[in-house]
Amino acid sequence: RNITLIRGDSATGKTTLYDMISLAARNGDNSGVKV
């Protein structure tokens, strides 16, 4: 869909996923993260 919510129990990786996408957006290929 055009709006997506990421939800789940505590300690399931939601913030880690967000941080990885943010790092890739800021640093591109130098981040070590592929999107």
PDB file of all heavy atoms in Angstrom:
ATOM      1  N   ARG A   1       0.830  -1.199   0.000  1.00  0.00           N
ATOM      2  CA  ARG A   1       0.000   0.000   0.000  1.00  0.00           C
ATOM      3  C   ARG A   1       0.861   1.244   0.000  1.00  0.00           C
ATOM      4  O   ARG A   1       2.070   1.171   0.126  1.00  0.00           O
ATOM      5  CB  ARG A   1      -0.912   0.011   1.222  1.00  0.00           C
ATOM      6  CG  ARG A   1      -1.863  -1.157   1.184  1.00  0.00           C
ATOM      7  CD  ARG A   1      -2.743  -1.147   2.390  1.00  0.00           C
ATOM      8  NE  ARG A   1      -3.567  -2.330   2.344  1.00  0.00           N
ATOM      9  CZ  ARG A   1      -4.807  -2.359   2.691  1.00  0.00           C
ATOM     10  NH1 ARG A   1      -5.392  -1.286   3.147  1.00  0.00           N
ATOM     11  NH2 ARG A   1      -5.488  -3.469   2.622  1.00  0.00           N
ATOM     12  N   ASN A   2       0.223   2.397  -0.098  1.00  0.00           N
ATOM     13  CA  ASN A   2       0.990   3.636  -0.128  1.00  0.00           C
ATOM     14  C   ASN A   2       1.364   4.151   1.263  1.00  0.00           C
ATOM     15  O   ASN A   2       2.178   5.028   1.393  1.00  0.00           O
ATOM     16  CB  ASN A   2       0.256   4.723  -0.922  1.00  0.00           C
ATOM     17  CG  ASN A   2      -1.081   5.060  -0.316  1.00  0.00           C
ATOM     18  OD1 ASN A   2      -1.594   4.343   0.510  1.00  0.00           O
ATOM     19  ND2 ASN A   2      -1.659   6.160  -0.750  1.00  0.00           N
ATOM     20  N   ILE A   3       0.780   3.613   2.318  1.00  0.00           N
ATOM     21  CA  ILE A   3       1.149   3.961   3.691  1.00  0.00           C
ATOM     22  C   ILE A   3       1.457   2.654   4.417  1.00  0.00           C
ATOM     23  O   ILE A   3       0.647   1.732   4.412  1.00  0.00           O
ATOM     24  CB  ILE A   3       0.015   4.700   4.424  1.00  0.00           C
ATOM     25  CG1 ILE A   3      -0.259   6.035   3.748  1.00  0.00           C
ATOM     26  CG2 ILE A   3       0.367   4.899   5.890  1.00  0.00           C
ATOM     27  CD1 ILE A   3      -1.438   6.781   4.315  1.00  0.00           C
ATOM     28  N   THR A   4       2.618   2.579   5.029  1.00  0.00           N
ATOM     29  CA  THR A   4       3.029   1.357   5.709  1.00  0.00           C
ATOM     30  C   THR A   4       3.451   1.687   7.132  1.00  0.00           C
ATOM     31  O   THR A   4       4.200   2.627   7.357  1.00  0.00           O
ATOM     32  CB  THR A   4       4.213   0.700   4.976  1.00  0.00           C
ATOM     33  OG1 THR A   4       3.800   0.391   3.650  1.00  0.00           O
ATOM     34  CG2 THR A   4       4.653  -0.569   5.663  1.00  0.00           C
ATOM     35  N   LEU A   5       2.962   0.921   8.080  1.00  0.00           N
ATOM     36  CA  LEU A   5       3.357   1.035   9.486  1.00  0.00           C
ATOM     37  C   LEU A   5       4.190  -0.185   9.832  1.00  0.00           C
ATOM     38  O   LEU A   5       3.853  -1.297   9.444  1.00  0.00           O
ATOM     39  CB  LEU A   5       2.135   1.068  10.399  1.00  0.00           C
ATOM     40  CG  LEU A   5       1.175   2.227  10.206  1.00  0.00           C
ATOM     41  CD1 LEU A   5      -0.047   2.033  11.085  1.00  0.00           C
ATOM     42  CD2 LEU A   5       1.843   3.534  10.505  1.00  0.00           C
ATOM     43  N   ILE A   6       5.250   0.045  10.561  1.00  0.00           N
ATOM     44  CA  ILE A   6       6.055  -1.066  11.051  1.00  0.00           C
ATOM     45  C   ILE A   6       5.758  -1.191  12.532  1.00  0.00           C
ATOM     46  O   ILE A   6       6.011  -0.270  13.301  1.00  0.00           O
ATOM     47  CB  ILE A   6       7.555  -0.812  10.818  1.00  0.00           C
ATOM     48  CG1 ILE A   6       7.814  -0.696   9.325  1.00  0.00           C
ATOM     49  CG2 ILE A   6       8.385  -1.928  11.426  1.00  0.00           C
ATOM     50  CD1 ILE A   6       9.216  -0.303   8.977  1.00  0.00           C
ATOM     51  N   ARG A   7       5.210  -2.327  12.907  1.00  0.00           N
ATOM     52  CA  ARG A   7       4.868  -2.522  14.309  1.00  0.00           C
ATOM     53  C   ARG A   7       5.227  -3.941  14.710  1.00  0.00           C
ATOM     54  O   ARG A   7       5.348  -4.837  13.876  1.00  0.00           O
ATOM     55  CB  ARG A   7       3.398  -2.247  14.565  1.00  0.00           C
ATOM     56  CG  ARG A   7       2.463  -3.187  13.878  1.00  0.00           C
ATOM     57  CD  ARG A   7       1.042  -2.839  14.142  1.00  0.00           C
ATOM     58  NE  ARG A   7       0.267  -4.076  14.208  1.00  0.00           N
ATOM     59  CZ  ARG A   7      -1.006  -4.132  14.409  1.00  0.00           C
ATOM     60  NH1 ARG A   7      -1.689  -3.022  14.600  1.00  0.00           N
ATOM     61  NH2 ARG A   7      -1.616  -5.282  14.453  1.00  0.00           N
ATOM     62  N   GLY A   8       5.398  -4.126  15.991  1.00  0.00           N
ATOM     63  CA  GLY A   8       5.749  -5.447  16.498  1.00  0.00           C
ATOM     64  C   GLY A   8       6.115  -5.356  17.959  1.00  0.00           C
ATOM     65  O   GLY A   8       6.118  -4.284  18.564  1.00  0.00           O
ATOM     66  N   ASP A   9       6.429  -6.499  18.512  1.00  0.00           N
ATOM     67  CA  ASP A   9       6.793  -6.567  19.921  1.00  0.00           C
ATOM     68  C   ASP A   9       8.128  -5.874  20.171  1.00  0.00           C
ATOM     69  O   ASP A   9       8.897  -5.607  19.248  1.00  0.00           O
ATOM     70  CB  ASP A   9       6.889  -8.027  20.369  1.00  0.00           C
ATOM     71  CG  ASP A   9       5.543  -8.721  20.384  1.00  0.00           C
ATOM     72  OD1 ASP A   9       4.526  -8.020  20.541  1.00  0.00           O
ATOM     73  OD2 ASP A   9       5.501  -9.954  20.217  1.00  0.00           O
ATOM     74  N   SER A  10       8.391  -5.623  21.413  1.00  0.00           N
ATOM     75  CA  SER A  10       9.641  -5.010  21.823  1.00  0.00           C
ATOM     76  C   SER A  10      10.810  -5.915  21.436  1.00  0.00           C
ATOM     77  O   SER A  10      10.712  -7.145  21.492  1.00  0.00           O
ATOM     78  CB  SER A  10       9.607  -4.817  23.337  1.00  0.00           C
ATOM     79  OG  SER A  10      10.781  -4.230  23.779  1.00  0.00           O
ATOM     80  N   ALA A  11      11.917  -5.280  21.023  1.00  0.00           N
ATOM     81  CA  ALA A  11      13.169  -5.986  20.704  1.00  0.00           C
ATOM     82  C   ALA A  11      13.050  -6.912  19.497  1.00  0.00           C
ATOM     83  O   ALA A  11      13.666  -7.962  19.445  1.00  0.00           O
ATOM     84  CB  ALA A  11      13.663  -6.752  21.918  1.00  0.00           C
ATOM     85  N   THR A  12      12.267  -6.507  18.486  1.00  0.00           N
ATOM     86  CA  THR A  12      12.146  -7.327  17.277  1.00  0.00           C
ATOM     87  C   THR A  12      12.882  -6.730  16.087  1.00  0.00           C
ATOM     88  O   THR A  12      12.860  -7.312  15.006  1.00  0.00           O
ATOM     89  CB  THR A  12      10.666  -7.561  16.902  1.00  0.00           C
ATOM     90  OG1 THR A  12      10.017  -6.306  16.742  1.00  0.00           O
ATOM     91  CG2 THR A  12       9.963  -8.393  17.950  1.00  0.00           C
ATOM     92  N   GLY A  13      13.518  -5.559  16.243  1.00  0.00           N
ATOM     93  CA  GLY A  13      14.351  -5.005  15.190  1.00  0.00           C
ATOM     94  C   GLY A  13      13.777  -3.834  14.420  1.00  0.00           C
ATOM     95  O   GLY A  13      14.322  -3.442  13.394  1.00  0.00           O
ATOM     96  N   LYS A  14      12.699  -3.235  14.896  1.00  0.00           N
ATOM     97  CA  LYS A  14      12.084  -2.101  14.186  1.00  0.00           C
ATOM     98  C   LYS A  14      13.031  -0.908  14.108  1.00  0.00           C
ATOM     99  O   LYS A  14      13.239  -0.342  13.041  1.00  0.00           O
ATOM    100  CB  LYS A  14      10.776  -1.691  14.872  1.00  0.00           C
ATOM    101  CG  LYS A  14       9.709  -2.767  14.884  1.00  0.00           C
ATOM    102  CD  LYS A  14       8.472  -2.330  15.641  1.00  0.00           C
ATOM    103  CE  LYS A  14       8.708  -1.970  17.073  1.00  0.00           C
ATOM    104  NZ  LYS A  14       9.052  -3.062  17.969  1.00  0.00           N
ATOM    105  N   THR A  15      13.632  -0.542  15.219  1.00  0.00           N
ATOM    106  CA  THR A  15      14.551   0.594  15.241  1.00  0.00           C
ATOM    107  C   THR A  15      15.815   0.281  14.455  1.00  0.00           C
ATOM    108  O   THR A  15      16.353   1.144  13.755  1.00  0.00           O
ATOM    109  CB  THR A  15      14.899   0.972  16.696  1.00  0.00           C
ATOM    110  OG1 THR A  15      13.686   1.281  17.376  1.00  0.00           O
ATOM    111  CG2 THR A  15      15.829   2.165  16.749  1.00  0.00           C
ATOM    112  N   THR A  16      16.291  -0.943  14.525  1.00  0.00           N
ATOM    113  CA  THR A  16      17.471  -1.338  13.753  1.00  0.00           C
ATOM    114  C   THR A  16      17.199  -1.224  12.263  1.00  0.00           C
ATOM    115  O   THR A  16      18.049  -0.731  11.508  1.00  0.00           O
ATOM    116  CB  THR A  16      17.877  -2.776  14.111  1.00  0.00           C
ATOM    117  OG1 THR A  16      18.138  -2.844  15.516  1.00  0.00           O
ATOM    118  CG2 THR A  16      19.108  -3.197  13.354  1.00  0.00           C
ATOM    119  N   LEU A  17      16.033  -1.652  11.821  1.00  0.00           N
ATOM    120  CA  LEU A  17      15.658  -1.524  10.414  1.00  0.00           C
ATOM    121  C   LEU A  17      15.634  -0.061  10.008  1.00  0.00           C
ATOM    122  O   LEU A  17      16.211   0.318   8.975  1.00  0.00           O
ATOM    123  CB  LEU A  17      14.288  -2.164  10.164  1.00  0.00           C
ATOM    124  CG  LEU A  17      13.698  -1.968   8.775  1.00  0.00           C
ATOM    125  CD1 LEU A  17      14.587  -2.585   7.707  1.00  0.00           C
ATOM    126  CD2 LEU A  17      12.293  -2.546   8.711  1.00  0.00           C
ATOM    127  N   TYR A  18      15.033   0.788  10.803  1.00  0.00           N
ATOM    128  CA  TYR A  18      14.981   2.222  10.521  1.00  0.00           C
ATOM    129  C   TYR A  18      16.389   2.814  10.460  1.00  0.00           C
ATOM    130  O   TYR A  18      16.718   3.583   9.555  1.00  0.00           O
ATOM    131  CB  TYR A  18      14.150   2.946  11.582  1.00  0.00           C
ATOM    132  CG  TYR A  18      14.200   4.434  11.429  1.00  0.00           C
ATOM    133  CD1 TYR A  18      13.390   5.075  10.502  1.00  0.00           C
ATOM    134  CD2 TYR A  18      15.082   5.199  12.173  1.00  0.00           C
ATOM    135  CE1 TYR A  18      13.457   6.450  10.334  1.00  0.00           C
ATOM    136  CE2 TYR A  18      15.148   6.563  12.014  1.00  0.00           C
ATOM    137  CZ  TYR A  18      14.331   7.187  11.095  1.00  0.00           C
ATOM    138  OH  TYR A  18      14.403   8.533  10.918  1.00  0.00           O
ATOM    139  N   ASP A  19      17.228   2.455  11.419  1.00  0.00           N
ATOM    140  CA  ASP A  19      18.598   2.975  11.439  1.00  0.00           C
ATOM    141  C   ASP A  19      19.393   2.546  10.212  1.00  0.00           C
ATOM    142  O   ASP A  19      20.178   3.325   9.666  1.00  0.00           O
ATOM    143  CB  ASP A  19      19.313   2.530  12.713  1.00  0.00           C
ATOM    144  CG  ASP A  19      18.792   3.213  13.970  1.00  0.00           C
ATOM    145  OD1 ASP A  19      18.114   4.262  13.837  1.00  0.00           O
ATOM    146  OD2 ASP A  19      19.054   2.684  15.069  1.00  0.00           O
ATOM    147  N   MET A  20      19.204   1.319   9.763  1.00  0.00           N
ATOM    148  CA  MET A  20      19.907   0.831   8.574  1.00  0.00           C
ATOM    149  C   MET A  20      19.478   1.600   7.325  1.00  0.00           C
ATOM    150  O   MET A  20      20.323   1.992   6.506  1.00  0.00           O
ATOM    151  CB  MET A  20      19.661  -0.669   8.380  1.00  0.00           C
ATOM    152  CG  MET A  20      20.383  -1.538   9.381  1.00  0.00           C
ATOM    153  SD  MET A  20      19.931  -3.281   9.264  1.00  0.00           S
ATOM    154  CE  MET A  20      20.578  -3.719   7.672  1.00  0.00           C
ATOM    155  N   ILE A  21      18.187   1.843   7.177  1.00  0.00           N
ATOM    156  CA  ILE A  21      17.689   2.590   6.019  1.00  0.00           C
ATOM    157  C   ILE A  21      18.176   4.030   6.072  1.00  0.00           C
ATOM    158  O   ILE A  21      18.607   4.599   5.065  1.00  0.00           O
ATOM    159  CB  ILE A  21      16.150   2.518   5.946  1.00  0.00           C
ATOM    160  CG1 ILE A  21      15.709   1.089   5.642  1.00  0.00           C
ATOM    161  CG2 ILE A  21      15.605   3.477   4.897  1.00  0.00           C
ATOM    162  CD1 ILE A  21      14.232   0.847   5.769  1.00  0.00           C
ATOM    163  N   SER A  22      18.176   4.619   7.259  1.00  0.00           N
ATOM    164  CA  SER A  22      18.656   5.982   7.425  1.00  0.00           C
ATOM    165  C   SER A  22      20.144   6.086   7.091  1.00  0.00           C
ATOM    166  O   SER A  22      20.583   7.022   6.413  1.00  0.00           O
ATOM    167  CB  SER A  22      18.402   6.444   8.858  1.00  0.00           C
ATOM    168  OG  SER A  22      18.907   7.727   9.071  1.00  0.00           O
ATOM    169  N   LEU A  23      20.924   5.148   7.557  1.00  0.00           N
ATOM    170  CA  LEU A  23      22.357   5.132   7.278  1.00  0.00           C
ATOM    171  C   LEU A  23      22.621   4.999   5.779  1.00  0.00           C
ATOM    172  O   LEU A  23      23.477   5.694   5.226  1.00  0.00           O
ATOM    173  CB  LEU A  23      23.027   3.981   8.042  1.00  0.00           C
ATOM    174  CG  LEU A  23      24.531   3.877   7.955  1.00  0.00           C
ATOM    175  CD1 LEU A  23      25.187   5.097   8.582  1.00  0.00           C
ATOM    176  CD2 LEU A  23      25.004   2.605   8.650  1.00  0.00           C
ATOM    177  N   ALA A  24      21.878   4.143   5.109  1.00  0.00           N
ATOM    178  CA  ALA A  24      22.034   3.971   3.656  1.00  0.00           C
ATOM    179  C   ALA A  24      21.645   5.243   2.915  1.00  0.00           C
ATOM    180  O   ALA A  24      22.283   5.611   1.925  1.00  0.00           O
ATOM    181  CB  ALA A  24      21.190   2.794   3.176  1.00  0.00           C
ATOM    182  N   ALA A  25      20.625   5.933   3.386  1.00  0.00           N
ATOM    183  CA  ALA A  25      20.191   7.171   2.734  1.00  0.00           C
ATOM    184  C   ALA A  25      21.240   8.275   2.900  1.00  0.00           C
ATOM    185  O   ALA A  25      21.472   9.057   1.980  1.00  0.00           O
ATOM    186  CB  ALA A  25      18.855   7.627   3.304  1.00  0.00           C
ATOM    187  N   ARG A  26      21.878   8.336   4.062  1.00  0.00           N
ATOM    188  CA  ARG A  26      22.878   9.374   4.328  1.00  0.00           C
ATOM    189  C   ARG A  26      24.215   9.097   3.651  1.00  0.00           C
ATOM    190  O   ARG A  26      24.834   9.998   3.102  1.00  0.00           O
ATOM    191  CB  ARG A  26      23.119   9.520   5.828  1.00  0.00           C
ATOM    192  CG  ARG A  26      22.091  10.384   6.521  1.00  0.00           C
ATOM    193  CD  ARG A  26      22.441  10.607   7.967  1.00  0.00           C
ATOM    194  NE  ARG A  26      22.002   9.398   8.690  1.00  0.00           N
ATOM    195  CZ  ARG A  26      22.734   8.762   9.595  1.00  0.00           C
ATOM    196  NH1 ARG A  26      23.914   9.184   9.928  1.00  0.00           N
ATOM    197  NH2 ARG A  26      22.262   7.686  10.194  1.00  0.00           N
ATOM    198  N   ASN A  27      24.687   7.853   3.700  1.00  0.00           N
ATOM    199  CA  ASN A  27      26.042   7.530   3.272  1.00  0.00           C
ATOM    200  C   ASN A  27      26.133   6.733   1.971  1.00  0.00           C
ATOM    201  O   ASN A  27      27.243   6.427   1.538  1.00  0.00           O
ATOM    202  CB  ASN A  27      26.779   6.790   4.379  1.00  0.00           C
ATOM    203  CG  ASN A  27      26.913   7.616   5.629  1.00  0.00           C
ATOM    204  OD1 ASN A  27      26.931   8.826   5.576  1.00  0.00           O
ATOM    205  ND2 ASN A  27      26.986   6.957   6.773  1.00  0.00           N
ATOM    206  N   GLY A  28      25.012   6.313   1.427  1.00  0.00           N
ATOM    207  CA  GLY A  28      25.021   5.573   0.168  1.00  0.00           C
ATOM    208  C   GLY A  28      25.797   4.261   0.268  1.00  0.00           C
ATOM    209  O   GLY A  28      25.709   3.542   1.253  1.00  0.00           O
ATOM    210  N   ASP A  29      26.603   3.964  -0.755  1.00  0.00           N
ATOM    211  CA  ASP A  29      27.348   2.709  -0.796  1.00  0.00           C
ATOM    212  C   ASP A  29      28.394   2.591   0.312  1.00  0.00           C
ATOM    213  O   ASP A  29      28.777   1.495   0.701  1.00  0.00           O
ATOM    214  CB  ASP A  29      28.039   2.549  -2.154  1.00  0.00           C
ATOM    215  CG  ASP A  29      27.043   2.321  -3.283  1.00  0.00           C
ATOM    216  OD1 ASP A  29      25.920   1.866  -2.999  1.00  0.00           O
ATOM    217  OD2 ASP A  29      27.403   2.602  -4.440  1.00  0.00           O
ATOM    218  N   ASN A  30      28.868   3.720   0.822  1.00  0.00           N
ATOM    219  CA  ASN A  30      29.872   3.697   1.890  1.00  0.00           C
ATOM    220  C   ASN A  30      29.309   3.218   3.230  1.00  0.00           C
ATOM    221  O   ASN A  30      30.064   2.973   4.153  1.00  0.00           O
ATOM    222  CB  ASN A  30      30.483   5.091   2.074  1.00  0.00           C
ATOM    223  CG  ASN A  30      31.289   5.513   0.877  1.00  0.00           C
ATOM    224  OD1 ASN A  30      31.828   4.672   0.157  1.00  0.00           O
ATOM    225  ND2 ASN A  30      31.348   6.810   0.624  1.00  0.00           N
ATOM    226  N   SER A  31      27.988   3.108   3.350  1.00  0.00           N
ATOM    227  CA  SER A  31      27.371   2.702   4.611  1.00  0.00           C
ATOM    228  C   SER A  31      27.499   1.213   4.877  1.00  0.00           C
ATOM    229  O   SER A  31      27.389   0.773   6.019  1.00  0.00           O
ATOM    230  CB  SER A  31      25.890   3.081   4.612  1.00  0.00           C
ATOM    231  OG  SER A  31      25.188   2.289   3.658  1.00  0.00           O
ATOM    232  N   GLY A  32      27.702   0.415   3.844  1.00  0.00           N
ATOM    233  CA  GLY A  32      27.740  -1.040   4.015  1.00  0.00           C
ATOM    234  C   GLY A  32      26.357  -1.649   4.061  1.00  0.00           C
ATOM    235  O   GLY A  32      26.208  -2.836   4.330  1.00  0.00           O
ATOM    236  N   VAL A  33      25.327  -0.856   3.811  1.00  0.00           N
ATOM    237  CA  VAL A  33      23.947  -1.324   3.832  1.00  0.00           C
ATOM    238  C   VAL A  33      23.407  -1.304   2.400  1.00  0.00           C
ATOM    239  O   VAL A  33      23.546  -0.319   1.704  1.00  0.00           O
ATOM    240  CB  VAL A  33      23.058  -0.441   4.736  1.00  0.00           C
ATOM    241  CG1 VAL A  33      21.625  -0.906   4.704  1.00  0.00           C
ATOM    242  CG2 VAL A  33      23.592  -0.439   6.155  1.00  0.00           C
ATOM    243  N   LYS A  34      22.808  -2.423   1.996  1.00  0.00           N
ATOM    244  CA  LYS A  34      22.163  -2.494   0.684  1.00  0.00           C
ATOM    245  C   LYS A  34      20.659  -2.359   0.861  1.00  0.00           C
ATOM    246  O   LYS A  34      20.073  -3.027   1.712  1.00  0.00           O
ATOM    247  CB  LYS A  34      22.433  -3.833   0.009  1.00  0.00           C
ATOM    248  CG  LYS A  34      23.731  -3.952  -0.664  1.00  0.00           C
ATOM    249  CD  LYS A  34      23.734  -5.260  -1.458  1.00  0.00           C
ATOM    250  CE  LYS A  34      25.108  -5.606  -1.930  1.00  0.00           C
ATOM    251  NZ  LYS A  34      25.126  -6.902  -2.595  1.00  0.00           N
ATOM    252  N   VAL A  35      20.041  -1.505   0.077  1.00  0.00           N
ATOM    253  CA  VAL A  35      18.581  -1.380   0.065  1.00  0.00           C
ATOM    254  C   VAL A  35      18.131  -1.633  -1.358  1.00  0.00           C
ATOM    255  O   VAL A  35      18.499  -0.906  -2.271  1.00  0.00           O
ATOM    256  CB  VAL A  35      18.124   0.017   0.553  1.00  0.00           C
ATOM    257  CG1 VAL A  35      16.610   0.118   0.491  1.00  0.00           C
ATOM    258  CG2 VAL A  35      18.620   0.296   1.951  1.00  0.00           C
TER     259      VAL A  35
END
